[in-house]
Amino acid sequence: MVVLVLLGLCSVVSLAVILERLVFFLTHKKYTAGEAEQYLYLLSTLISSAPLLGILGTVLGIMQAFGGYSLTADMQSIAGGIALALRTTAAGLLIALTDLVFYNYFLHKSDNVR
């Protein structure tokens, strides 16, 4: 559950950076390379860390699933743990892929400084 909260925080931060950069490029006709690359380090960090958080969620979910199975021998606890594992993996990959698309777009814009 903590991993999902961290992934949610990652998605909020990445959305804020993406929106800020979009507004910047739409409102500024002339800018320096430094201005264009501002906050891109955050997107780069999130591209790397979101999938790792997703994998951490996968490991924790599998541990929860089989830890619960050893105590209760209940198939529903396994299914719940595996579902949590898959959710965290999918969330981490979705955040990283979205950020990667926008990161490359913003990097391309900063390479074409006027």
C-alpha atoms as a PDB file:
ATOM      1  CA  MET A   1       0.000   0.000   0.000  1.00  0.00           C
ATOM      2  CA  VAL A   2       2.873   2.389   0.767  1.00  0.00           C
ATOM      3  CA  VAL A   3       4.267   1.760  -2.696  1.00  0.00           C
ATOM      4  CA  LEU A   4       0.961   2.792  -4.288  1.00  0.00           C
ATOM      5  CA  VAL A   5       1.049   6.029  -2.300  1.00  0.00           C
ATOM      6  CA  LEU A   6       4.613   6.690  -3.482  1.00  0.00           C
ATOM      7  CA  LEU A   7       3.603   5.952  -7.062  1.00  0.00           C
ATOM      8  CA  GLY A   8       0.672   8.336  -6.668  1.00  0.00           C
ATOM      9  CA  LEU A   9       3.066  10.999  -5.438  1.00  0.00           C
ATOM     10  CA  CYS A  10       5.312  10.323  -8.442  1.00  0.00           C
ATOM     11  CA  SER A  11       2.373  10.744 -10.796  1.00  0.00           C
ATOM     12  CA  VAL A  12       1.343  14.043  -9.171  1.00  0.00           C
ATOM     13  CA  VAL A  13       4.887  15.415  -9.389  1.00  0.00           C
ATOM     14  CA  SER A  14       5.304  14.310 -12.994  1.00  0.00           C
ATOM     15  CA  LEU A  15       1.925  15.795 -13.957  1.00  0.00           C
ATOM     16  CA  ALA A  16       2.899  19.094 -12.327  1.00  0.00           C
ATOM     17  CA  VAL A  17       6.230  19.187 -14.174  1.00  0.00           C
ATOM     18  CA  ILE A  18       4.633  18.246 -17.495  1.00  0.00           C
ATOM     19  CA  LEU A  19       1.952  20.922 -17.166  1.00  0.00           C
ATOM     20  CA  GLU A  20       4.490  23.553 -16.107  1.00  0.00           C
ATOM     21  CA  ARG A  21       6.756  22.759 -19.060  1.00  0.00           C
ATOM     22  CA  LEU A  22       3.833  22.750 -21.514  1.00  0.00           C
ATOM     23  CA  VAL A  23       2.710  26.154 -20.277  1.00  0.00           C
ATOM     24  CA  PHE A  24       6.287  27.419 -20.467  1.00  0.00           C
ATOM     25  CA  PHE A  25       6.779  26.336 -24.084  1.00  0.00           C
ATOM     26  CA  LEU A  26       3.365  27.643 -25.129  1.00  0.00           C
ATOM     27  CA  THR A  27       3.835  31.061 -23.538  1.00  0.00           C
ATOM     28  CA  HIS A  28       7.509  31.734 -24.288  1.00  0.00           C
ATOM     29  CA  LYS A  29       8.602  32.252 -27.860  1.00  0.00           C
ATOM     30  CA  LYS A  30      12.244  32.874 -26.975  1.00  0.00           C
ATOM     31  CA  TYR A  31      14.119  31.091 -24.226  1.00  0.00           C
ATOM     32  CA  THR A  32      17.583  29.911 -23.305  1.00  0.00           C
ATOM     33  CA  ALA A  33      18.677  26.291 -23.098  1.00  0.00           C
ATOM     34  CA  GLY A  34      18.822  26.546 -19.321  1.00  0.00           C
ATOM     35  CA  GLU A  35      15.247  27.803 -19.136  1.00  0.00           C
ATOM     36  CA  ALA A  36      14.068  25.105 -21.529  1.00  0.00           C
ATOM     37  CA  GLU A  37      15.713  22.313 -19.542  1.00  0.00           C
ATOM     38  CA  GLN A  38      14.439  23.514 -16.176  1.00  0.00           C
ATOM     39  CA  TYR A  39      12.794  20.700 -14.148  1.00  0.00           C
ATOM     40  CA  LEU A  40      13.653  18.043 -16.734  1.00  0.00           C
ATOM     41  CA  TYR A  41      15.867  16.395 -14.124  1.00  0.00           C
ATOM     42  CA  LEU A  42      12.689  15.632 -12.162  1.00  0.00           C
ATOM     43  CA  LEU A  43      11.153  13.834 -15.125  1.00  0.00           C
ATOM     44  CA  SER A  44      14.392  11.948 -15.683  1.00  0.00           C
ATOM     45  CA  THR A  45      14.450  10.849 -12.049  1.00  0.00           C
ATOM     46  CA  LEU A  46      10.830   9.734 -12.185  1.00  0.00           C
ATOM     47  CA  ILE A  47      11.458   7.789 -15.398  1.00  0.00           C
ATOM     48  CA  SER A  48      14.082   5.789 -13.516  1.00  0.00           C
ATOM     49  CA  SER A  49      12.407   5.483 -10.136  1.00  0.00           C
ATOM     50  CA  ALA A  50       8.775   4.719 -11.067  1.00  0.00           C
ATOM     51  CA  PRO A  51       9.476   1.262 -12.567  1.00  0.00           C
ATOM     52  CA  LEU A  52      11.709   0.443  -9.601  1.00  0.00           C
ATOM     53  CA  LEU A  53       8.895   1.372  -7.222  1.00  0.00           C
ATOM     54  CA  GLY A  54       6.595  -0.820  -9.308  1.00  0.00           C
ATOM     55  CA  ILE A  55       8.992  -3.753  -8.965  1.00  0.00           C
ATOM     56  CA  LEU A  56       9.243  -3.116  -5.230  1.00  0.00           C
ATOM     57  CA  GLY A  57       5.449  -3.250  -5.072  1.00  0.00           C
ATOM     58  CA  THR A  58       5.528  -6.511  -7.004  1.00  0.00           C
ATOM     59  CA  VAL A  59       7.965  -8.083  -4.582  1.00  0.00           C
ATOM     60  CA  LEU A  60       6.010  -6.852  -1.558  1.00  0.00           C
ATOM     61  CA  GLY A  61       2.716  -8.010  -3.079  1.00  0.00           C
ATOM     62  CA  ILE A  62       4.065 -11.496  -3.776  1.00  0.00           C
ATOM     63  CA  MET A  63       5.502 -11.658  -0.258  1.00  0.00           C
ATOM     64  CA  GLN A  64       2.109 -10.634   1.126  1.00  0.00           C
ATOM     65  CA  ALA A  65       0.326 -13.195  -1.028  1.00  0.00           C
ATOM     66  CA  PHE A  66       2.434 -16.139   0.014  1.00  0.00           C
ATOM     67  CA  GLY A  67       2.853 -14.933   3.591  1.00  0.00           C
ATOM     68  CA  GLY A  68      -0.922 -14.879   3.945  1.00  0.00           C
ATOM     69  CA  TYR A  69      -1.202 -18.267   2.283  1.00  0.00           C
ATOM     70  CA  SER A  70       1.090 -19.892   4.807  1.00  0.00           C
ATOM     71  CA  LEU A  71      -1.088 -18.593   7.644  1.00  0.00           C
ATOM     72  CA  THR A  72      -4.576 -19.256   6.271  1.00  0.00           C
ATOM     73  CA  ALA A  73      -4.170 -21.444   3.176  1.00  0.00           C
ATOM     74  CA  ASP A  74      -6.690 -19.138   1.497  1.00  0.00           C
ATOM     75  CA  MET A  75      -6.584 -18.617  -2.257  1.00  0.00           C
ATOM     76  CA  GLN A  76      -8.223 -15.191  -1.939  1.00  0.00           C
ATOM     77  CA  SER A  77      -5.234 -13.850  -0.024  1.00  0.00           C
ATOM     78  CA  ILE A  78      -2.946 -15.017  -2.813  1.00  0.00           C
ATOM     79  CA  ALA A  79      -5.158 -13.400  -5.440  1.00  0.00           C
ATOM     80  CA  GLY A  80      -5.242 -10.116  -3.495  1.00  0.00           C
ATOM     81  CA  GLY A  81      -1.477 -10.010  -3.117  1.00  0.00           C
ATOM     82  CA  ILE A  82      -0.870 -10.802  -6.769  1.00  0.00           C
ATOM     83  CA  ALA A  83      -3.449  -8.198  -7.830  1.00  0.00           C
ATOM     84  CA  LEU A  84      -1.638  -5.602  -5.727  1.00  0.00           C
ATOM     85  CA  ALA A  85       1.656  -6.666  -7.270  1.00  0.00           C
ATOM     86  CA  LEU A  86       0.289  -6.263 -10.788  1.00  0.00           C
ATOM     87  CA  ARG A  87      -1.263  -2.875  -9.989  1.00  0.00           C
ATOM     88  CA  THR A  88       2.009  -1.463  -8.717  1.00  0.00           C
ATOM     89  CA  THR A  89       3.949  -2.805 -11.682  1.00  0.00           C
ATOM     90  CA  ALA A  90       1.448  -1.363 -14.152  1.00  0.00           C
ATOM     91  CA  ALA A  91       1.371   2.000 -12.372  1.00  0.00           C
ATOM     92  CA  GLY A  92       5.165   2.260 -12.328  1.00  0.00           C
ATOM     93  CA  LEU A  93       5.443   1.423 -16.016  1.00  0.00           C
ATOM     94  CA  LEU A  94       2.615   3.783 -16.979  1.00  0.00           C
ATOM     95  CA  ILE A  95       4.216   6.679 -15.117  1.00  0.00           C
ATOM     96  CA  ALA A  96       7.630   5.970 -16.641  1.00  0.00           C
ATOM     97  CA  LEU A  97       6.297   5.633 -20.193  1.00  0.00           C
ATOM     98  CA  THR A  98       4.255   8.822 -19.994  1.00  0.00           C
ATOM     99  CA  ASP A  99       7.153  10.748 -18.507  1.00  0.00           C
ATOM    100  CA  LEU A 100       9.525   9.392 -21.139  1.00  0.00           C
ATOM    101  CA  VAL A 101       7.342  10.652 -23.998  1.00  0.00           C
ATOM    102  CA  PHE A 102       7.119  14.147 -22.515  1.00  0.00           C
ATOM    103  CA  TYR A 103      10.787  14.161 -21.478  1.00  0.00           C
ATOM    104  CA  ASN A 104      11.856  13.447 -25.042  1.00  0.00           C
ATOM    105  CA  TYR A 105       9.474  16.107 -26.362  1.00  0.00           C
ATOM    106  CA  PHE A 106      10.803  18.738 -23.953  1.00  0.00           C
ATOM    107  CA  LEU A 107      14.397  17.723 -24.624  1.00  0.00           C
ATOM    108  CA  HIS A 108      13.768  18.120 -28.345  1.00  0.00           C
ATOM    109  CA  LYS A 109      12.284  21.572 -27.705  1.00  0.00           C
ATOM    110  CA  SER A 110      15.329  22.564 -25.635  1.00  0.00           C
ATOM    111  CA  ASP A 111      17.696  21.357 -28.363  1.00  0.00           C
ATOM    112  CA  ASN A 112      15.988  23.709 -30.811  1.00  0.00           C
ATOM    113  CA  VAL A 113      16.657  26.867 -28.812  1.00  0.00           C
ATOM    114  CA  ARG A 114      15.973  29.924 -30.886  1.00  0.00           C
END
